[in-house]
Amino acid sequence: MGDQTTVTVVQKAHSAEVAFRDPHPLLAGHVLGYTGQDFSLSQPQVRRVTALATVMLVIDFEAPVRHLVTDTDMAGPQQSFLLSPVSGLSDRPLVIRQSGREYGMVALLTPLGARALFGFPLWELARRSVHLTDLLGPDGRRLTEQLAEAPDWPTRFRITDTFLLSRIGTGPELPRQVRRVWRRLTGSGVAPIDALADEVGWSRQHLTARFHREVGLSPKSIARIARLQRVMLLMRSTHPPSWAEVAATCGYTDQSHLNRDFRLLTGCTPAGWRALTDWSSVYIGDPRVYAVHNATPDLRGHAPVRG
């Protein structure tokens, strides 16, 4: 399988490396991108996971130490987080504390890709993380072994392409109406749910119920997350606008509306988010946000996750 149209970008510094690549063109619409990571954390690092409109597939080659932080002050009780977790769509943020070596890959799947890969409606995975082998069985173990033994990131990305093409190409599809609404909600425009229901010939109630079952979240939740990601794109630009300007541009009723959504979906305020100097400690689920800046990251203690 040729992949001349894809380019692997590998960044190295201080014995750490991170690699990025878009999926094979035949996977467009199903897979958003791949990230490879190999670095060690000299001390525990807190990572925020925003609300996700994608399915995040993590393949660990070695076992880092991960804990889910369940208390907002970061000092509360913690529970272990899975090795090689597959995280479904979620309208809630998470905070994870991690230490040790992070050596593995992340693949971001749209609901179209995840539905075809796993073969079941995504409400079963919503707001949950499940071990990779619980979903893919022996194929998941073999894939992990192949990737861990591969000599470099380009080879690993090609292996992942081949695996996903074989599974997604023969897997079930989302209903045509759900696909259409998904694309409209996550596109550049803004469309009311009632108008989308009219477009596909369903009632709003039926659209909401069917969409929620197939995708895992309601159309309204997906629209909110997509709007937040448009905010992130603007705020990651070289000359970011004011929050009031962002609120108006992205369709919020006012800045207070933006503030409420921001806290709900990220777990912190817009001001607190903007003060972050290290976006490598944030999972957003939209590769476009990380593509805005191309500056070489500081990899001495951590690496950016383009996910």
C-alpha atoms as a PDB file:
ATOM      1  CA  MET A   1       0.000   0.000   0.000  1.00  0.00           C
ATOM      2  CA  GLY A   2       1.578   3.294  -1.087  1.00  0.00           C
ATOM      3  CA  ASP A   3       1.367   6.396   1.064  1.00  0.00           C
ATOM      4  CA  GLN A   4       3.356   8.892  -0.952  1.00  0.00           C
ATOM      5  CA  THR A   5       0.855  11.626  -0.051  1.00  0.00           C
ATOM      6  CA  THR A   6       1.540  11.321   3.686  1.00  0.00           C
ATOM      7  CA  VAL A   7       4.463  12.835   5.552  1.00  0.00           C
ATOM      8  CA  THR A   8       5.750  11.826   8.963  1.00  0.00           C
ATOM      9  CA  VAL A   9       7.099  14.709  11.046  1.00  0.00           C
ATOM     10  CA  VAL A  10       9.503  13.606  13.783  1.00  0.00           C
ATOM     11  CA  GLN A  11      10.804  16.058  16.358  1.00  0.00           C
ATOM     12  CA  LYS A  12      13.676  15.069  18.627  1.00  0.00           C
ATOM     13  CA  ALA A  13      15.316  16.801  21.556  1.00  0.00           C
ATOM     14  CA  HIS A  14      17.131  15.650  24.691  1.00  0.00           C
ATOM     15  CA  SER A  15      16.576  11.901  24.014  1.00  0.00           C
ATOM     16  CA  ALA A  16      12.843  12.442  23.596  1.00  0.00           C
ATOM     17  CA  GLU A  17      10.845  12.342  20.388  1.00  0.00           C
ATOM     18  CA  VAL A  18       7.366  12.948  19.103  1.00  0.00           C
ATOM     19  CA  ALA A  19       6.078  12.102  15.629  1.00  0.00           C
ATOM     20  CA  PHE A  20       2.961  13.264  13.772  1.00  0.00           C
ATOM     21  CA  ARG A  21       1.281  12.022  10.636  1.00  0.00           C
ATOM     22  CA  ASP A  22      -2.057  12.265   8.880  1.00  0.00           C
ATOM     23  CA  PRO A  23      -3.711   8.936   8.036  1.00  0.00           C
ATOM     24  CA  HIS A  24      -3.768   7.367   4.598  1.00  0.00           C
ATOM     25  CA  PRO A  25      -6.049   9.377   2.261  1.00  0.00           C
ATOM     26  CA  LEU A  26      -8.482   6.454   2.072  1.00  0.00           C
ATOM     27  CA  LEU A  27      -9.076   6.879   5.808  1.00  0.00           C
ATOM     28  CA  ALA A  28     -10.076  10.533   5.491  1.00  0.00           C
ATOM     29  CA  GLY A  29     -13.298  11.161   7.393  1.00  0.00           C
ATOM     30  CA  HIS A  30     -12.612   8.163   9.616  1.00  0.00           C
ATOM     31  CA  VAL A  31      -9.229   8.930  11.203  1.00  0.00           C
ATOM     32  CA  LEU A  32      -7.994  12.431  12.060  1.00  0.00           C
ATOM     33  CA  GLY A  33      -4.337  11.730  12.745  1.00  0.00           C
ATOM     34  CA  TYR A  34      -1.594   9.785  14.506  1.00  0.00           C
ATOM     35  CA  THR A  35       0.867  10.814  17.187  1.00  0.00           C
ATOM     36  CA  GLY A  36       3.878   8.777  18.295  1.00  0.00           C
ATOM     37  CA  GLN A  37       5.621   9.547  21.580  1.00  0.00           C
ATOM     38  CA  ASP A  38       8.743   8.374  23.352  1.00  0.00           C
ATOM     39  CA  PHE A  39       9.858  10.352  26.376  1.00  0.00           C
ATOM     40  CA  SER A  40      10.281  10.028  30.124  1.00  0.00           C
ATOM     41  CA  LEU A  41       8.746  12.269  32.744  1.00  0.00           C
ATOM     42  CA  SER A  42      11.231  13.259  35.412  1.00  0.00           C
ATOM     43  CA  GLN A  43       8.349  14.030  37.761  1.00  0.00           C
ATOM     44  CA  PRO A  44       4.576  13.410  37.714  1.00  0.00           C
ATOM     45  CA  GLN A  45       2.733  15.562  35.206  1.00  0.00           C
ATOM     46  CA  VAL A  46      -0.911  16.593  35.249  1.00  0.00           C
ATOM     47  CA  ARG A  47      -2.701  16.352  31.924  1.00  0.00           C
ATOM     48  CA  ARG A  48      -6.104  17.728  31.115  1.00  0.00           C
ATOM     49  CA  VAL A  49      -8.439  15.974  28.720  1.00  0.00           C
ATOM     50  CA  THR A  50     -11.145  18.270  27.402  1.00  0.00           C
ATOM     51  CA  ALA A  51     -14.568  17.086  26.337  1.00  0.00           C
ATOM     52  CA  LEU A  52     -14.015  14.906  23.275  1.00  0.00           C
ATOM     53  CA  ALA A  53     -15.905  14.705  20.001  1.00  0.00           C
ATOM     54  CA  THR A  54     -13.546  11.973  18.804  1.00  0.00           C
ATOM     55  CA  VAL A  55     -12.619   8.487  19.964  1.00  0.00           C
ATOM     56  CA  MET A  56      -9.059   8.430  21.290  1.00  0.00           C
ATOM     57  CA  LEU A  57      -7.206   5.167  20.800  1.00  0.00           C
ATOM     58  CA  VAL A  58      -4.002   4.957  22.857  1.00  0.00           C
ATOM     59  CA  ILE A  59      -1.567   2.102  22.203  1.00  0.00           C
ATOM     60  CA  ASP A  60       1.061   1.814  24.953  1.00  0.00           C
ATOM     61  CA  PHE A  61       4.289   0.000  24.124  1.00  0.00           C
ATOM     62  CA  GLU A  62       5.397   0.334  27.754  1.00  0.00           C
ATOM     63  CA  ALA A  63       3.292   0.910  30.841  1.00  0.00           C
ATOM     64  CA  PRO A  64       3.346   4.462  32.217  1.00  0.00           C
ATOM     65  CA  VAL A  65       1.879   5.194  35.627  1.00  0.00           C
ATOM     66  CA  ARG A  66      -1.483   6.922  35.131  1.00  0.00           C
ATOM     67  CA  HIS A  67      -4.043   7.964  37.708  1.00  0.00           C
ATOM     68  CA  LEU A  68      -7.394   9.627  37.237  1.00  0.00           C
ATOM     69  CA  VAL A  69      -7.573  12.708  39.448  1.00  0.00           C
ATOM     70  CA  THR A  70     -11.095  12.785  40.841  1.00  0.00           C
ATOM     71  CA  ASP A  71     -10.835  15.856  43.058  1.00  0.00           C
ATOM     72  CA  THR A  72     -10.722  19.353  41.573  1.00  0.00           C
ATOM     73  CA  ASP A  73      -7.911  20.500  43.843  1.00  0.00           C
ATOM     74  CA  MET A  74      -5.611  17.808  42.371  1.00  0.00           C
ATOM     75  CA  ALA A  75      -4.953  16.444  45.871  1.00  0.00           C
ATOM     76  CA  GLY A  76      -7.945  14.174  46.278  1.00  0.00           C
ATOM     77  CA  PRO A  77      -8.224  10.399  45.904  1.00  0.00           C
ATOM     78  CA  GLN A  78      -6.941   8.899  42.681  1.00  0.00           C
ATOM     79  CA  GLN A  79      -7.651   5.692  40.791  1.00  0.00           C
ATOM     80  CA  SER A  80      -5.457   3.894  38.299  1.00  0.00           C
ATOM     81  CA  PHE A  81      -6.093   4.664  34.638  1.00  0.00           C
ATOM     82  CA  LEU A  82      -6.024   1.957  32.005  1.00  0.00           C
ATOM     83  CA  LEU A  83      -3.087   0.762  29.953  1.00  0.00           C
ATOM     84  CA  SER A  84      -3.816   1.287  26.232  1.00  0.00           C
ATOM     85  CA  PRO A  85      -7.174   2.964  26.843  1.00  0.00           C
ATOM     86  CA  VAL A  86      -9.777   3.611  24.165  1.00  0.00           C
ATOM     87  CA  SER A  87     -11.739   6.679  25.287  1.00  0.00           C
ATOM     88  CA  GLY A  88     -15.168   7.371  23.854  1.00  0.00           C
ATOM     89  CA  LEU A  89     -16.820  10.687  23.144  1.00  0.00           C
ATOM     90  CA  SER A  90     -17.420  12.696  26.290  1.00  0.00           C
ATOM     91  CA  ASP A  91     -18.978  16.006  27.254  1.00  0.00           C
ATOM     92  CA  ARG A  92     -16.952  16.104  30.476  1.00  0.00           C
ATOM     93  CA  PRO A  93     -13.291  16.964  31.104  1.00  0.00           C
ATOM     94  CA  LEU A  94     -10.849  14.642  32.852  1.00  0.00           C
ATOM     95  CA  VAL A  95      -7.596  15.229  34.717  1.00  0.00           C
ATOM     96  CA  ILE A  96      -4.915  12.528  34.631  1.00  0.00           C
ATOM     97  CA  ARG A  97      -1.669  12.406  36.597  1.00  0.00           C
ATOM     98  CA  GLN A  98       1.097  10.497  34.831  1.00  0.00           C
ATOM     99  CA  SER A  99       4.721   9.572  35.453  1.00  0.00           C
ATOM    100  CA  GLY A 100       7.378   7.293  34.012  1.00  0.00           C
ATOM    101  CA  ARG A 101       8.083   6.586  30.368  1.00  0.00           C
ATOM    102  CA  GLU A 102       5.453   7.352  27.756  1.00  0.00           C
ATOM    103  CA  TYR A 103       6.178   5.217  24.751  1.00  0.00           C
ATOM    104  CA  GLY A 104       3.373   4.542  22.338  1.00  0.00           C
ATOM    105  CA  MET A 105       0.890   5.935  19.846  1.00  0.00           C
ATOM    106  CA  VAL A 106      -2.354   7.855  19.782  1.00  0.00           C
ATOM    107  CA  ALA A 107      -4.877   7.564  16.934  1.00  0.00           C
ATOM    108  CA  LEU A 108      -7.903   9.852  16.773  1.00  0.00           C
ATOM    109  CA  LEU A 109     -11.003   8.359  15.187  1.00  0.00           C
ATOM    110  CA  THR A 110     -14.169  10.132  14.153  1.00  0.00           C
ATOM    111  CA  PRO A 111     -17.455   8.413  15.070  1.00  0.00           C
ATOM    112  CA  LEU A 112     -17.598   7.154  11.473  1.00  0.00           C
ATOM    113  CA  GLY A 113     -14.260   5.398  11.907  1.00  0.00           C
ATOM    114  CA  ALA A 114     -14.923   4.137  15.428  1.00  0.00           C
ATOM    115  CA  ARG A 115     -18.346   2.729  14.486  1.00  0.00           C
ATOM    116  CA  ALA A 116     -16.795   0.781  11.618  1.00  0.00           C
ATOM    117  CA  LEU A 117     -13.769  -0.361  13.642  1.00  0.00           C
ATOM    118  CA  PHE A 118     -15.562  -1.579  16.758  1.00  0.00           C
ATOM    119  CA  GLY A 119     -18.868  -2.596  15.202  1.00  0.00           C
ATOM    120  CA  PHE A 120     -21.267  -1.315  17.855  1.00  0.00           C
ATOM    121  CA  PRO A 121     -23.193   1.921  18.500  1.00  0.00           C
ATOM    122  CA  LEU A 122     -20.914   4.372  20.305  1.00  0.00           C
ATOM    123  CA  TRP A 123     -23.264   5.108  23.205  1.00  0.00           C
ATOM    124  CA  GLU A 124     -21.716   1.945  24.698  1.00  0.00           C
ATOM    125  CA  LEU A 125     -18.338   3.715  24.823  1.00  0.00           C
ATOM    126  CA  ALA A 126     -19.485   7.254  25.676  1.00  0.00           C
ATOM    127  CA  ARG A 127     -17.851   8.839  28.758  1.00  0.00           C
ATOM    128  CA  ARG A 128     -15.867   5.645  29.295  1.00  0.00           C
ATOM    129  CA  SER A 129     -12.388   4.282  28.741  1.00  0.00           C
ATOM    130  CA  VAL A 130     -11.987   0.622  27.817  1.00  0.00           C
ATOM    131  CA  HIS A 131      -8.837  -1.449  27.356  1.00  0.00           C
ATOM    132  CA  LEU A 132      -7.848  -1.838  23.708  1.00  0.00           C
ATOM    133  CA  THR A 133      -7.877  -5.644  23.837  1.00  0.00           C
ATOM    134  CA  ASP A 134     -11.362  -5.672  25.358  1.00  0.00           C
ATOM    135  CA  LEU A 135     -12.546  -4.150  22.084  1.00  0.00           C
ATOM    136  CA  LEU A 136     -10.201  -5.714  19.523  1.00  0.00           C
ATOM    137  CA  GLY A 137      -9.232  -8.959  21.278  1.00  0.00           C
ATOM    138  CA  PRO A 138      -6.207 -10.848  19.918  1.00  0.00           C
ATOM    139  CA  ASP A 139      -6.011  -8.448  16.950  1.00  0.00           C
ATOM    140  CA  GLY A 140      -5.379  -5.616  19.412  1.00  0.00           C
ATOM    141  CA  ARG A 141      -2.558  -7.540  21.089  1.00  0.00           C
ATOM    142  CA  ARG A 142      -0.960  -8.416  17.753  1.00  0.00           C
ATOM    143  CA  LEU A 143      -1.195  -4.813  16.582  1.00  0.00           C
ATOM    144  CA  THR A 144       0.464  -3.579  19.773  1.00  0.00           C
ATOM    145  CA  GLU A 145       3.278  -6.113  19.391  1.00  0.00           C
ATOM    146  CA  GLN A 146       3.851  -5.213  15.737  1.00  0.00           C
ATOM    147  CA  LEU A 147       3.998  -1.510  16.511  1.00  0.00           C
ATOM    148  CA  ALA A 148       6.338  -1.953  19.481  1.00  0.00           C
ATOM    149  CA  GLU A 149       8.732  -4.077  17.396  1.00  0.00           C
ATOM    150  CA  ALA A 150       8.712  -1.774  14.336  1.00  0.00           C
ATOM    151  CA  PRO A 151      11.996   0.068  13.693  1.00  0.00           C
ATOM    152  CA  ASP A 152      10.643   3.617  13.356  1.00  0.00           C
ATOM    153  CA  TRP A 153       7.575   5.865  13.363  1.00  0.00           C
ATOM    154  CA  PRO A 154       6.931   5.868   9.592  1.00  0.00           C
ATOM    155  CA  THR A 155       6.753   2.066   9.699  1.00  0.00           C
ATOM    156  CA  ARG A 156       4.413   2.157  12.691  1.00  0.00           C
ATOM    157  CA  PHE A 157       2.112   4.613  10.986  1.00  0.00           C
ATOM    158  CA  ARG A 158       2.011   2.427   7.859  1.00  0.00           C
ATOM    159  CA  ILE A 159       1.159  -0.615   9.984  1.00  0.00           C
ATOM    160  CA  THR A 160      -1.651   1.325  11.634  1.00  0.00           C
ATOM    161  CA  ASP A 161      -2.943   2.487   8.249  1.00  0.00           C
ATOM    162  CA  THR A 162      -3.023  -1.100   6.977  1.00  0.00           C
ATOM    163  CA  PHE A 163      -4.789  -2.373  10.089  1.00  0.00           C
ATOM    164  CA  LEU A 164      -7.431   0.348  10.095  1.00  0.00           C
ATOM    165  CA  LEU A 165      -8.051   0.109   6.353  1.00  0.00           C
ATOM    166  CA  SER A 166      -8.703  -3.614   6.631  1.00  0.00           C
ATOM    167  CA  ARG A 167     -11.078  -3.225   9.586  1.00  0.00           C
ATOM    168  CA  ILE A 168     -12.845   0.017   8.752  1.00  0.00           C
ATOM    169  CA  GLY A 169     -13.311  -0.924   5.106  1.00  0.00           C
ATOM    170  CA  THR A 170     -15.416  -3.935   6.078  1.00  0.00           C
ATOM    171  CA  GLY A 171     -17.109  -2.504   9.174  1.00  0.00           C
ATOM    172  CA  PRO A 172     -20.644  -1.115   9.598  1.00  0.00           C
ATOM    173  CA  GLU A 173     -21.409   2.470   8.622  1.00  0.00           C
ATOM    174  CA  LEU A 174     -23.287   5.143  10.485  1.00  0.00           C
ATOM    175  CA  PRO A 175     -26.760   5.753   9.056  1.00  0.00           C
ATOM    176  CA  ARG A 176     -26.679   8.248   6.202  1.00  0.00           C
ATOM    177  CA  GLN A 177     -28.726  10.811   8.152  1.00  0.00           C
ATOM    178  CA  VAL A 178     -26.424  10.605  11.170  1.00  0.00           C
ATOM    179  CA  ARG A 179     -23.342  11.025   8.963  1.00  0.00           C
ATOM    180  CA  ARG A 180     -24.831  14.121   7.380  1.00  0.00           C
ATOM    181  CA  VAL A 181     -25.712  15.711  10.710  1.00  0.00           C
ATOM    182  CA  TRP A 182     -22.262  14.878  12.139  1.00  0.00           C
ATOM    183  CA  ARG A 183     -20.512  16.581   9.241  1.00  0.00           C
ATOM    184  CA  ARG A 184     -22.750  19.630   9.479  1.00  0.00           C
ATOM    185  CA  LEU A 185     -22.238  19.971  13.236  1.00  0.00           C
ATOM    186  CA  THR A 186     -18.460  19.686  13.015  1.00  0.00           C
ATOM    187  CA  GLY A 187     -18.049  21.787   9.874  1.00  0.00           C
ATOM    188  CA  SER A 188     -17.285  25.473   9.662  1.00  0.00           C
ATOM    189  CA  GLY A 189     -20.902  26.613   9.684  1.00  0.00           C
ATOM    190  CA  VAL A 190     -23.458  26.681  12.489  1.00  0.00           C
ATOM    191  CA  ALA A 191     -26.851  25.068  11.941  1.00  0.00           C
ATOM    192  CA  PRO A 192     -29.745  24.802  14.440  1.00  0.00           C
ATOM    193  CA  ILE A 193     -30.751  21.259  15.388  1.00  0.00           C
ATOM    194  CA  ASP A 194     -34.294  21.821  14.107  1.00  0.00           C
ATOM    195  CA  ALA A 195     -32.924  22.796  10.691  1.00  0.00           C
ATOM    196  CA  LEU A 196     -30.707  19.703  10.588  1.00  0.00           C
ATOM    197  CA  ALA A 197     -33.673  17.499  11.463  1.00  0.00           C
ATOM    198  CA  ASP A 198     -35.579  19.027   8.558  1.00  0.00           C
ATOM    199  CA  GLU A 199     -32.624  18.418   6.233  1.00  0.00           C
ATOM    200  CA  VAL A 200     -32.581  14.680   6.915  1.00  0.00           C
ATOM    201  CA  GLY A 201     -36.355  14.283   7.120  1.00  0.00           C
ATOM    202  CA  TRP A 202     -36.548  13.337  10.806  1.00  0.00           C
ATOM    203  CA  SER A 203     -38.238  14.953  13.774  1.00  0.00           C
ATOM    204  CA  ARG A 204     -35.913  16.662  16.232  1.00  0.00           C
ATOM    205  CA  GLN A 205     -36.792  14.048  18.861  1.00  0.00           C
ATOM    206  CA  HIS A 206     -35.977  11.128  16.560  1.00  0.00           C
ATOM    207  CA  LEU A 207     -32.776  12.766  15.354  1.00  0.00           C
ATOM    208  CA  THR A 208     -31.583  13.375  18.916  1.00  0.00           C
ATOM    209  CA  ALA A 209     -32.340   9.814  20.018  1.00  0.00           C
ATOM    210  CA  ARG A 210     -30.810   8.132  16.975  1.00  0.00           C
ATOM    211  CA  PHE A 211     -27.755  10.394  16.908  1.00  0.00           C
ATOM    212  CA  HIS A 212     -27.133   9.836  20.622  1.00  0.00           C
ATOM    213  CA  ARG A 213     -27.279   6.061  20.205  1.00  0.00           C
ATOM    214  CA  GLU A 214     -24.977   5.929  17.198  1.00  0.00           C
ATOM    215  CA  VAL A 215     -22.450   8.629  18.177  1.00  0.00           C
ATOM    216  CA  GLY A 216     -22.577   8.570  21.967  1.00  0.00           C
ATOM    217  CA  LEU A 217     -23.516  12.199  22.600  1.00  0.00           C
ATOM    218  CA  SER A 218     -26.466  14.357  21.576  1.00  0.00           C
ATOM    219  CA  PRO A 219     -26.284  16.705  18.571  1.00  0.00           C
ATOM    220  CA  LYS A 220     -26.350  19.642  20.990  1.00  0.00           C
ATOM    221  CA  SER A 221     -23.319  18.323  22.883  1.00  0.00           C
ATOM    222  CA  ILE A 222     -21.358  17.746  19.666  1.00  0.00           C
ATOM    223  CA  ALA A 223     -22.198  21.277  18.523  1.00  0.00           C
ATOM    224  CA  ARG A 224     -20.911  22.694  21.819  1.00  0.00           C
ATOM    225  CA  ILE A 225     -17.643  20.770  21.617  1.00  0.00           C
ATOM    226  CA  ALA A 226     -17.142  21.724  17.958  1.00  0.00           C
ATOM    227  CA  ARG A 227     -17.714  25.371  18.839  1.00  0.00           C
ATOM    228  CA  LEU A 228     -15.170  25.119  21.667  1.00  0.00           C
ATOM    229  CA  GLN A 229     -12.617  23.713  19.222  1.00  0.00           C
ATOM    230  CA  ARG A 230     -13.185  26.686  16.923  1.00  0.00           C
ATOM    231  CA  VAL A 231     -12.444  28.877  19.941  1.00  0.00           C
ATOM    232  CA  MET A 232      -9.210  26.956  20.536  1.00  0.00           C
ATOM    233  CA  LEU A 233      -8.154  27.451  16.931  1.00  0.00           C
ATOM    234  CA  LEU A 234      -8.575  31.199  17.231  1.00  0.00           C
ATOM    235  CA  MET A 235      -6.843  31.413  20.595  1.00  0.00           C
ATOM    236  CA  ARG A 236      -3.851  29.436  19.329  1.00  0.00           C
ATOM    237  CA  SER A 237      -3.227  31.880  16.484  1.00  0.00           C
ATOM    238  CA  THR A 238      -0.160  34.098  16.505  1.00  0.00           C
ATOM    239  CA  HIS A 239      -2.240  37.146  17.391  1.00  0.00           C
ATOM    240  CA  PRO A 240      -5.246  35.837  19.303  1.00  0.00           C
ATOM    241  CA  PRO A 241      -8.328  38.056  19.596  1.00  0.00           C
ATOM    242  CA  SER A 242     -10.009  39.044  22.846  1.00  0.00           C
ATOM    243  CA  TRP A 243     -12.427  36.637  24.510  1.00  0.00           C
ATOM    244  CA  ALA A 244     -15.307  38.964  23.680  1.00  0.00           C
ATOM    245  CA  GLU A 245     -14.318  38.892  20.003  1.00  0.00           C
ATOM    246  CA  VAL A 246     -14.029  35.100  20.090  1.00  0.00           C
ATOM    247  CA  ALA A 247     -17.463  34.790  21.677  1.00  0.00           C
ATOM    248  CA  ALA A 248     -19.030  36.882  18.924  1.00  0.00           C
ATOM    249  CA  THR A 249     -17.138  35.138  16.119  1.00  0.00           C
ATOM    250  CA  CYS A 250     -18.000  31.617  17.301  1.00  0.00           C
ATOM    251  CA  GLY A 251     -21.697  32.227  17.877  1.00  0.00           C
ATOM    252  CA  TYR A 252     -21.995  32.566  21.644  1.00  0.00           C
ATOM    253  CA  THR A 253     -24.713  34.869  22.934  1.00  0.00           C
ATOM    254  CA  ASP A 254     -22.125  36.767  24.989  1.00  0.00           C
ATOM    255  CA  GLN A 255     -18.840  36.276  26.818  1.00  0.00           C
ATOM    256  CA  SER A 256     -20.610  34.865  29.886  1.00  0.00           C
ATOM    257  CA  HIS A 257     -22.049  32.130  27.682  1.00  0.00           C
ATOM    258  CA  LEU A 258     -18.535  31.344  26.426  1.00  0.00           C
ATOM    259  CA  ASN A 259     -17.204  31.285  29.998  1.00  0.00           C
ATOM    260  CA  ARG A 260     -19.855  28.809  31.129  1.00  0.00           C
ATOM    261  CA  ASP A 261     -19.254  26.438  28.227  1.00  0.00           C
ATOM    262  CA  PHE A 262     -15.505  26.734  28.635  1.00  0.00           C
ATOM    263  CA  ARG A 263     -15.593  25.701  32.296  1.00  0.00           C
ATOM    264  CA  LEU A 264     -18.015  22.872  31.577  1.00  0.00           C
ATOM    265  CA  LEU A 265     -15.976  21.374  28.739  1.00  0.00           C
ATOM    266  CA  THR A 266     -12.388  22.023  29.884  1.00  0.00           C
ATOM    267  CA  GLY A 267     -12.626  22.182  33.667  1.00  0.00           C
ATOM    268  CA  CYS A 268     -11.034  25.622  33.930  1.00  0.00           C
ATOM    269  CA  THR A 269     -11.773  29.246  33.110  1.00  0.00           C
ATOM    270  CA  PRO A 270     -10.763  30.906  29.829  1.00  0.00           C
ATOM    271  CA  ALA A 271      -8.259  33.073  31.699  1.00  0.00           C
ATOM    272  CA  GLY A 272      -6.719  30.040  33.389  1.00  0.00           C
ATOM    273  CA  TRP A 273      -6.514  28.252  30.065  1.00  0.00           C
ATOM    274  CA  ARG A 274      -4.849  31.158  28.308  1.00  0.00           C
ATOM    275  CA  ALA A 275      -2.277  31.326  31.093  1.00  0.00           C
ATOM    276  CA  LEU A 276      -1.099  27.801  30.308  1.00  0.00           C
ATOM    277  CA  THR A 277       2.417  27.956  28.892  1.00  0.00           C
ATOM    278  CA  ASP A 278       2.565  24.272  28.048  1.00  0.00           C
ATOM    279  CA  TRP A 279      -0.153  22.999  25.740  1.00  0.00           C
ATOM    280  CA  SER A 280       1.658  19.664  25.649  1.00  0.00           C
ATOM    281  CA  SER A 281      -0.200  18.787  28.866  1.00  0.00           C
ATOM    282  CA  VAL A 282      -3.589  19.095  27.168  1.00  0.00           C
ATOM    283  CA  TYR A 283      -5.559  16.605  25.102  1.00  0.00           C
ATOM    284  CA  ILE A 284      -8.103  18.404  22.918  1.00  0.00           C
ATOM    285  CA  GLY A 285      -9.065  15.840  20.297  1.00  0.00           C
ATOM    286  CA  ASP A 286      -8.625  18.134  17.301  1.00  0.00           C
ATOM    287  CA  PRO A 287      -5.258  18.018  15.469  1.00  0.00           C
ATOM    288  CA  ARG A 288      -5.968  21.372  13.796  1.00  0.00           C
ATOM    289  CA  VAL A 289      -5.485  23.155  17.108  1.00  0.00           C
ATOM    290  CA  TYR A 290      -1.901  21.902  17.362  1.00  0.00           C
ATOM    291  CA  ALA A 291      -1.138  22.551  13.713  1.00  0.00           C
ATOM    292  CA  VAL A 292      -1.500  26.318  14.165  1.00  0.00           C
ATOM    293  CA  HIS A 293       1.975  26.665  15.628  1.00  0.00           C
ATOM    294  CA  ASN A 294       4.970  24.851  14.179  1.00  0.00           C
ATOM    295  CA  ALA A 295       7.575  25.922  16.715  1.00  0.00           C
ATOM    296  CA  THR A 296       9.823  23.144  18.022  1.00  0.00           C
ATOM    297  CA  PRO A 297       8.572  22.105  21.480  1.00  0.00           C
ATOM    298  CA  ASP A 298      10.624  21.720  24.608  1.00  0.00           C
ATOM    299  CA  LEU A 299      10.969  17.954  24.973  1.00  0.00           C
ATOM    300  CA  ARG A 300      13.246  17.825  27.980  1.00  0.00           C
ATOM    301  CA  GLY A 301      10.589  16.585  30.371  1.00  0.00           C
ATOM    302  CA  HIS A 302       7.557  16.070  28.206  1.00  0.00           C
ATOM    303  CA  ALA A 303       6.258  16.216  24.668  1.00  0.00           C
ATOM    304  CA  PRO A 304       3.204  17.651  23.002  1.00  0.00           C
ATOM    305  CA  VAL A 305       0.254  15.420  22.275  1.00  0.00           C
ATOM    306  CA  ARG A 306      -1.402  16.391  19.062  1.00  0.00           C
ATOM    307  CA  GLY A 307      -4.637  14.822  20.107  1.00  0.00           C
END
